[in-house]
PDB file of all heavy atoms in Angstrom:
ATOM      1  N   THR A   1      80.325 103.158  85.957  1.00  0.00           N
ATOM      2  CA  THR A   1      79.551 103.360  87.187  1.00  0.00           C
ATOM      3  C   THR A   1      80.450 103.107  88.381  1.00  0.00           C
ATOM      4  O   THR A   1      81.172 102.094  88.427  1.00  0.00           O
ATOM      5  CB  THR A   1      78.354 102.402  87.234  1.00  0.00           C
ATOM      6  OG1 THR A   1      77.528 102.624  86.087  1.00  0.00           O
ATOM      7  CG2 THR A   1      77.533 102.614  88.505  1.00  0.00           C
ATOM      8  N   ILE A   2      80.440 104.036  89.347  1.00  0.00           N
ATOM      9  CA  ILE A   2      81.250 103.879  90.554  1.00  0.00           C
ATOM     10  C   ILE A   2      80.375 103.367  91.690  1.00  0.00           C
ATOM     11  O   ILE A   2      79.359 103.970  92.036  1.00  0.00           O
ATOM     12  CB  ILE A   2      81.899 105.223  90.958  1.00  0.00           C
ATOM     13  CG1 ILE A   2      82.851 105.696  89.850  1.00  0.00           C
ATOM     14  CG2 ILE A   2      82.636 105.085  92.289  1.00  0.00           C
ATOM     15  CD1 ILE A   2      83.467 107.055  90.111  1.00  0.00           C
ATOM     16  N   GLU A   3      80.774 102.221  92.241  1.00  0.00           N
ATOM     17  CA  GLU A   3      80.074 101.614  93.373  1.00  0.00           C
ATOM     18  C   GLU A   3      80.923 101.849  94.624  1.00  0.00           C
ATOM     19  O   GLU A   3      82.018 101.296  94.763  1.00  0.00           O
ATOM     20  CB  GLU A   3      79.899 100.114  93.145  1.00  0.00           C
ATOM     21  CG  GLU A   3      79.091  99.403  94.196  1.00  0.00           C
ATOM     22  CD  GLU A   3      77.600  99.721  94.135  1.00  0.00           C
ATOM     23  OE1 GLU A   3      77.090  99.995  93.024  1.00  0.00           O
ATOM     24  OE2 GLU A   3      76.952  99.681  95.199  1.00  0.00           O
ATOM     25  N   VAL A   4      80.437 102.696  95.536  1.00  0.00           N
ATOM     26  CA  VAL A   4      81.218 103.040  96.724  1.00  0.00           C
ATOM     27  C   VAL A   4      81.069 101.954  97.792  1.00  0.00           C
ATOM     28  O   VAL A   4      79.953 101.625  98.212  1.00  0.00           O
ATOM     29  CB  VAL A   4      80.789 104.400  97.300  1.00  0.00           C
ATOM     30  CG1 VAL A   4      81.600 104.723  98.556  1.00  0.00           C
ATOM     31  CG2 VAL A   4      80.971 105.498  96.253  1.00  0.00           C
ATOM     32  N   ILE A   5      82.207 101.401  98.212  1.00  0.00           N
ATOM     33  CA  ILE A   5      82.262 100.376  99.255  1.00  0.00           C
ATOM     34  C   ILE A   5      83.300 100.830 100.278  1.00  0.00           C
ATOM     35  O   ILE A   5      84.391 101.266  99.912  1.00  0.00           O
ATOM     36  CB  ILE A   5      82.661  99.000  98.679  1.00  0.00           C
ATOM     37  CG1 ILE A   5      81.594  98.509  97.699  1.00  0.00           C
ATOM     38  CG2 ILE A   5      82.866  97.982  99.783  1.00  0.00           C
ATOM     39  CD1 ILE A   5      81.926  97.182  97.035  1.00  0.00           C
ATOM     40  N   THR A   6      82.978 100.747 101.554  1.00  0.00           N
ATOM     41  CA  THR A   6      83.879 101.266 102.582  1.00  0.00           C
ATOM     42  C   THR A   6      84.899 100.250 103.073  1.00  0.00           C
ATOM     43  O   THR A   6      85.862 100.615 103.739  1.00  0.00           O
ATOM     44  CB  THR A   6      83.081 101.788 103.792  1.00  0.00           C
ATOM     45  OG1 THR A   6      82.246 100.736 104.295  1.00  0.00           O
ATOM     46  CG2 THR A   6      82.203 102.968 103.390  1.00  0.00           C
ATOM     47  N   GLY A   7      84.719  98.993 102.746  1.00  0.00           N
ATOM     48  CA  GLY A   7      85.679  97.983 103.195  1.00  0.00           C
ATOM     49  C   GLY A   7      85.608  96.736 102.338  1.00  0.00           C
ATOM     50  O   GLY A   7      84.615  96.484 101.650  1.00  0.00           O
ATOM     51  N   SER A   8      86.691  95.953 102.336  1.00  0.00           N
ATOM     52  CA  SER A   8      86.760  94.698 101.577  1.00  0.00           C
ATOM     53  C   SER A   8      86.385  94.895 100.115  1.00  0.00           C
ATOM     54  O   SER A   8      85.614  94.122  99.529  1.00  0.00           O
ATOM     55  CB  SER A   8      85.852  93.637 102.214  1.00  0.00           C
ATOM     56  OG  SER A   8      86.233  93.384 103.546  1.00  0.00           O
ATOM     57  N   VAL A   9      86.966  95.923  99.508  1.00  0.00           N
ATOM     58  CA  VAL A   9      86.681  96.238  98.108  1.00  0.00           C
ATOM     59  C   VAL A   9      87.072  95.084  97.199  1.00  0.00           C
ATOM     60  O   VAL A   9      86.403  94.817  96.194  1.00  0.00           O
ATOM     61  CB  VAL A   9      87.426  97.526  97.701  1.00  0.00           C
ATOM     62  CG1 VAL A   9      87.288  97.800  96.211  1.00  0.00           C
ATOM     63  CG2 VAL A   9      86.911  98.711  98.503  1.00  0.00           C
ATOM     64  N   GLU A  10      88.114  94.374  97.563  1.00  0.00           N
ATOM     65  CA  GLU A  10      88.665  93.350  96.678  1.00  0.00           C
ATOM     66  C   GLU A  10      87.709  92.178  96.416  1.00  0.00           C
ATOM     67  O   GLU A  10      87.895  91.426  95.456  1.00  0.00           O
ATOM     68  CB  GLU A  10      89.985  92.818  97.237  1.00  0.00           C
ATOM     69  CG  GLU A  10      89.875  92.098  98.568  1.00  0.00           C
ATOM     70  CD  GLU A  10      89.867  93.039  99.768  1.00  0.00           C
ATOM     71  OE1 GLU A  10      89.991  94.257  99.578  1.00  0.00           O
ATOM     72  OE2 GLU A  10      89.714  92.532 100.903  1.00  0.00           O
ATOM     73  N   ILE A  11      86.676  92.001  97.256  1.00  0.00           N
ATOM     74  CA  ILE A  11      85.754  90.885  97.038  1.00  0.00           C
ATOM     75  C   ILE A  11      84.650  91.236  96.050  1.00  0.00           C
ATOM     76  O   ILE A  11      83.877  90.365  95.652  1.00  0.00           O
ATOM     77  CB  ILE A  11      85.111  90.430  98.365  1.00  0.00           C
ATOM     78  CG1 ILE A  11      84.115  91.486  98.897  1.00  0.00           C
ATOM     79  CG2 ILE A  11      86.167  90.093  99.393  1.00  0.00           C
ATOM     80  CD1 ILE A  11      83.236  90.993 100.016  1.00  0.00           C
ATOM     81  N   ALA A  12      84.572  92.509  95.636  1.00  0.00           N
ATOM     82  CA  ALA A  12      83.452  92.964  94.808  1.00  0.00           C
ATOM     83  C   ALA A  12      83.264  92.176  93.512  1.00  0.00           C
ATOM     84  O   ALA A  12      82.133  91.791  93.182  1.00  0.00           O
ATOM     85  CB  ALA A  12      83.588  94.459  94.518  1.00  0.00           C
ATOM     86  N   PRO A  13      84.314  91.909  92.717  1.00  0.00           N
ATOM     87  CA  PRO A  13      84.087  91.139  91.484  1.00  0.00           C
ATOM     88  C   PRO A  13      83.569  89.726  91.740  1.00  0.00           C
ATOM     89  O   PRO A  13      82.631  89.269  91.077  1.00  0.00           O
ATOM     90  CB  PRO A  13      85.472  91.126  90.827  1.00  0.00           C
ATOM     91  CG  PRO A  13      86.128  92.367  91.337  1.00  0.00           C
ATOM     92  CD  PRO A  13      85.679  92.467  92.767  1.00  0.00           C
ATOM     93  N   ALA A  14      84.146  89.032  92.716  1.00  0.00           N
ATOM     94  CA  ALA A  14      83.700  87.668  93.011  1.00  0.00           C
ATOM     95  C   ALA A  14      82.282  87.644  93.540  1.00  0.00           C
ATOM     96  O   ALA A  14      81.528  86.691  93.289  1.00  0.00           O
ATOM     97  CB  ALA A  14      84.646  87.015  94.026  1.00  0.00           C
ATOM     98  N   ALA A  15      81.899  88.717  94.266  1.00  0.00           N
ATOM     99  CA  ALA A  15      80.542  88.806  94.809  1.00  0.00           C
ATOM    100  C   ALA A  15      79.548  89.389  93.805  1.00  0.00           C
ATOM    101  O   ALA A  15      78.384  89.588  94.138  1.00  0.00           O
ATOM    102  CB  ALA A  15      80.553  89.664  96.070  1.00  0.00           C
ATOM    103  N   ARG A  16      80.028  89.671  92.602  1.00  0.00           N
ATOM    104  CA  ARG A  16      79.213  90.251  91.526  1.00  0.00           C
ATOM    105  C   ARG A  16      78.626  91.619  91.896  1.00  0.00           C
ATOM    106  O   ARG A  16      77.570  92.016  91.418  1.00  0.00           O
ATOM    107  CB  ARG A  16      78.089  89.290  91.131  1.00  0.00           C
ATOM    108  CG  ARG A  16      78.602  87.952  90.608  1.00  0.00           C
ATOM    109  CD  ARG A  16      77.483  87.042  90.198  1.00  0.00           C
ATOM    110  NE  ARG A  16      77.993  85.757  89.744  1.00  0.00           N
ATOM    111  CZ  ARG A  16      77.215  84.732  89.364  1.00  0.00           C
ATOM    112  NH1 ARG A  16      75.894  84.865  89.409  1.00  0.00           N
ATOM    113  NH2 ARG A  16      77.761  83.604  88.958  1.00  0.00           N
ATOM    114  N   ILE A  17      79.350  92.324  92.739  1.00  0.00           N
ATOM    115  CA  ILE A  17      78.966  93.694  93.093  1.00  0.00           C
ATOM    116  C   ILE A  17      79.488  94.660  92.037  1.00  0.00           C
ATOM    117  O   ILE A  17      78.874  95.688  91.753  1.00  0.00           O
ATOM    118  CB  ILE A  17      79.522  94.064  94.480  1.00  0.00           C
ATOM    119  CG1 ILE A  17      78.899  93.163  95.551  1.00  0.00           C
ATOM    120  CG2 ILE A  17      79.277  95.534  94.815  1.00  0.00           C
ATOM    121  CD1 ILE A  17      79.556  93.292  96.917  1.00  0.00           C
ATOM    122  N   ALA A  18      80.634  94.315  91.443  1.00  0.00           N
ATOM    123  CA  ALA A  18      81.245  95.176  90.441  1.00  0.00           C
ATOM    124  C   ALA A  18      82.095  94.333  89.503  1.00  0.00           C
ATOM    125  O   ALA A  18      82.399  93.168  89.785  1.00  0.00           O
ATOM    126  CB  ALA A  18      82.101  96.239  91.118  1.00  0.00           C
ATOM    127  N   ASP A  19      82.482  94.949  88.378  1.00  0.00           N
ATOM    128  CA  ASP A  19      83.308  94.255  87.384  1.00  0.00           C
ATOM    129  C   ASP A  19      84.795  94.405  87.681  1.00  0.00           C
ATOM    130  O   ASP A  19      85.610  93.589  87.237  1.00  0.00           O
ATOM    131  CB  ASP A  19      83.033  94.816  85.984  1.00  0.00           C
ATOM    132  CG  ASP A  19      81.561  94.744  85.614  1.00  0.00           C
ATOM    133  OD1 ASP A  19      81.027  93.616  85.545  1.00  0.00           O
ATOM    134  OD2 ASP A  19      80.942  95.812  85.412  1.00  0.00           O
ATOM    135  N   ALA A  20      85.141  95.472  88.386  1.00  0.00           N
ATOM    136  CA  ALA A  20      86.541  95.780  88.672  1.00  0.00           C
ATOM    137  C   ALA A  20      86.610  96.539  89.984  1.00  0.00           C
ATOM    138  O   ALA A  20      85.574  96.919  90.547  1.00  0.00           O
ATOM    139  CB  ALA A  20      87.134  96.612  87.533  1.00  0.00           C
ATOM    140  N   ILE A  21      87.836  96.776  90.466  1.00  0.00           N
ATOM    141  CA  ILE A  21      87.982  97.546  91.708  1.00  0.00           C
ATOM    142  C   ILE A  21      89.035  98.635  91.527  1.00  0.00           C
ATOM    143  O   ILE A  21      89.904  98.553  90.645  1.00  0.00           O
ATOM    144  CB  ILE A  21      88.374  96.649  92.904  1.00  0.00           C
ATOM    145  CG1 ILE A  21      89.810  96.126  92.753  1.00  0.00           C
ATOM    146  CG2 ILE A  21      87.393  95.501  93.071  1.00  0.00           C
ATOM    147  CD1 ILE A  21      90.389  95.521  94.028  1.00  0.00           C
ATOM    148  N   PHE A  22      88.943  99.637  92.370  1.00  0.00           N
ATOM    149  CA  PHE A  22      89.953 100.694  92.466  1.00  0.00           C
ATOM    150  C   PHE A  22      90.286 100.820  93.937  1.00  0.00           C
ATOM    151  O   PHE A  22      89.461 101.243  94.745  1.00  0.00           O
ATOM    152  CB  PHE A  22      89.391 102.009  91.919  1.00  0.00           C
ATOM    153  CG  PHE A  22      90.341 103.169  92.032  1.00  0.00           C
ATOM    154  CD1 PHE A  22      91.551 103.156  91.363  1.00  0.00           C
ATOM    155  CD2 PHE A  22      90.023 104.274  92.801  1.00  0.00           C
ATOM    156  CE1 PHE A  22      92.434 104.224  91.456  1.00  0.00           C
ATOM    157  CE2 PHE A  22      90.890 105.349  92.901  1.00  0.00           C
ATOM    158  CZ  PHE A  22      92.097 105.325  92.220  1.00  0.00           C
ATOM    159  N   ASP A  23      91.521 100.419  94.308  1.00  0.00           N
ATOM    160  CA  ASP A  23      91.826 100.318  95.732  1.00  0.00           C
ATOM    161  C   ASP A  23      93.326 100.495  95.976  1.00  0.00           C
ATOM    162  O   ASP A  23      94.129 100.547  95.043  1.00  0.00           O
ATOM    163  CB  ASP A  23      91.368  98.954  96.250  1.00  0.00           C
ATOM    164  CG  ASP A  23      91.185  98.914  97.765  1.00  0.00           C
ATOM    165  OD1 ASP A  23      91.075  99.997  98.381  1.00  0.00           O
ATOM    166  OD2 ASP A  23      91.145  97.810  98.338  1.00  0.00           O
ATOM    167  N   ILE A  24      93.678 100.558  97.265  1.00  0.00           N
ATOM    168  CA  ILE A  24      95.078 100.652  97.667  1.00  0.00           C
ATOM    169  C   ILE A  24      95.779  99.313  97.415  1.00  0.00           C
ATOM    170  O   ILE A  24      95.241  98.253  97.732  1.00  0.00           O
ATOM    171  CB  ILE A  24      95.184 101.020  99.161  1.00  0.00           C
ATOM    172  CG1 ILE A  24      94.769 102.476  99.374  1.00  0.00           C
ATOM    173  CG2 ILE A  24      96.596 100.807  99.680  1.00  0.00           C
ATOM    174  CD1 ILE A  24      94.781 102.906 100.821  1.00  0.00           C
ATOM    175  N   VAL A  25      96.969  99.387  96.847  1.00  0.00           N
ATOM    176  CA  VAL A  25      97.795  98.206  96.626  1.00  0.00           C
ATOM    177  C   VAL A  25      99.159  98.456  97.249  1.00  0.00           C
ATOM    178  O   VAL A  25      99.768  99.506  97.022  1.00  0.00           O
ATOM    179  CB  VAL A  25      97.959  97.905  95.121  1.00  0.00           C
ATOM    180  CG1 VAL A  25      98.856  96.684  94.918  1.00  0.00           C
ATOM    181  CG2 VAL A  25      96.604  97.694  94.458  1.00  0.00           C
ATOM    182  N   SER A  26      99.616  97.522  98.055  1.00  0.00           N
ATOM    183  CA  SER A  26     100.969  97.609  98.617  1.00  0.00           C
ATOM    184  C   SER A  26     101.823  96.507  98.004  1.00  0.00           C
ATOM    185  O   SER A  26     102.566  96.738  97.070  1.00  0.00           O
ATOM    186  CB  SER A  26     100.930  97.505 100.141  1.00  0.00           C
ATOM    187  OG  SER A  26     100.262  98.617 100.701  1.00  0.00           O
ATOM    188  N   SER A  27     101.680  95.306  98.497  1.00  0.00           N
ATOM    189  CA  SER A  27     102.451  94.194  97.947  1.00  0.00           C
ATOM    190  C   SER A  27     101.747  93.511  96.783  1.00  0.00           C
ATOM    191  O   SER A  27     102.377  92.848  95.967  1.00  0.00           O
ATOM    192  CB  SER A  27     102.719  93.160  99.045  1.00  0.00           C
ATOM    193  OG  SER A  27     101.500  92.564  99.453  1.00  0.00           O
ATOM    194  N   GLY A  28     100.431  93.645  96.715  1.00  0.00           N
ATOM    195  CA  GLY A  28      99.666  92.975  95.672  1.00  0.00           C
ATOM    196  C   GLY A  28      99.158  91.605  96.081  1.00  0.00           C
ATOM    197  O   GLY A  28      98.427  90.955  95.326  1.00  0.00           O
ATOM    198  N   SER A  29      99.505  91.161  97.292  1.00  0.00           N
ATOM    199  CA  SER A  29      99.107  89.820  97.727  1.00  0.00           C
ATOM    200  C   SER A  29      97.591  89.692  97.884  1.00  0.00           C
ATOM    201  O   SER A  29      97.020  88.629  97.618  1.00  0.00           O
ATOM    202  CB  SER A  29      99.809  89.470  99.041  1.00  0.00           C
ATOM    203  OG  SER A  29      99.471  90.404 100.059  1.00  0.00           O
ATOM    204  N   THR A  30      96.930  90.770  98.304  1.00  0.00           N
ATOM    205  CA  THR A  30      95.475  90.716  98.468  1.00  0.00           C
ATOM    206  C   THR A  30      94.790  90.538  97.117  1.00  0.00           C
ATOM    207  O   THR A  30      93.795  89.806  96.998  1.00  0.00           O
ATOM    208  CB  THR A  30      94.960  91.997  99.152  1.00  0.00           C
ATOM    209  OG1 THR A  30      95.582  92.130 100.421  1.00  0.00           O
ATOM    210  CG2 THR A  30      93.450  91.943  99.345  1.00  0.00           C
ATOM    211  N   LEU A  31      95.323  91.186  96.102  1.00  0.00           N
ATOM    212  CA  LEU A  31      94.761  91.013  94.753  1.00  0.00           C
ATOM    213  C   LEU A  31      94.910  89.567  94.295  1.00  0.00           C
ATOM    214  O   LEU A  31      93.962  88.961  93.778  1.00  0.00           O
ATOM    215  CB  LEU A  31      95.457  91.948  93.759  1.00  0.00           C
ATOM    216  CG  LEU A  31      95.286  93.448  93.955  1.00  0.00           C
ATOM    217  CD1 LEU A  31      96.014  94.211  92.861  1.00  0.00           C
ATOM    218  CD2 LEU A  31      93.816  93.838  93.982  1.00  0.00           C
TER     219      LEU A  31
END
């Protein structure tokens, strides 16, 4: 299931919005 979020995708697992994320990664520090 794809859950569309327009911002702060990385908080989705901790917020129990989703099990995983698909997002832009540069340095990886945000992950």
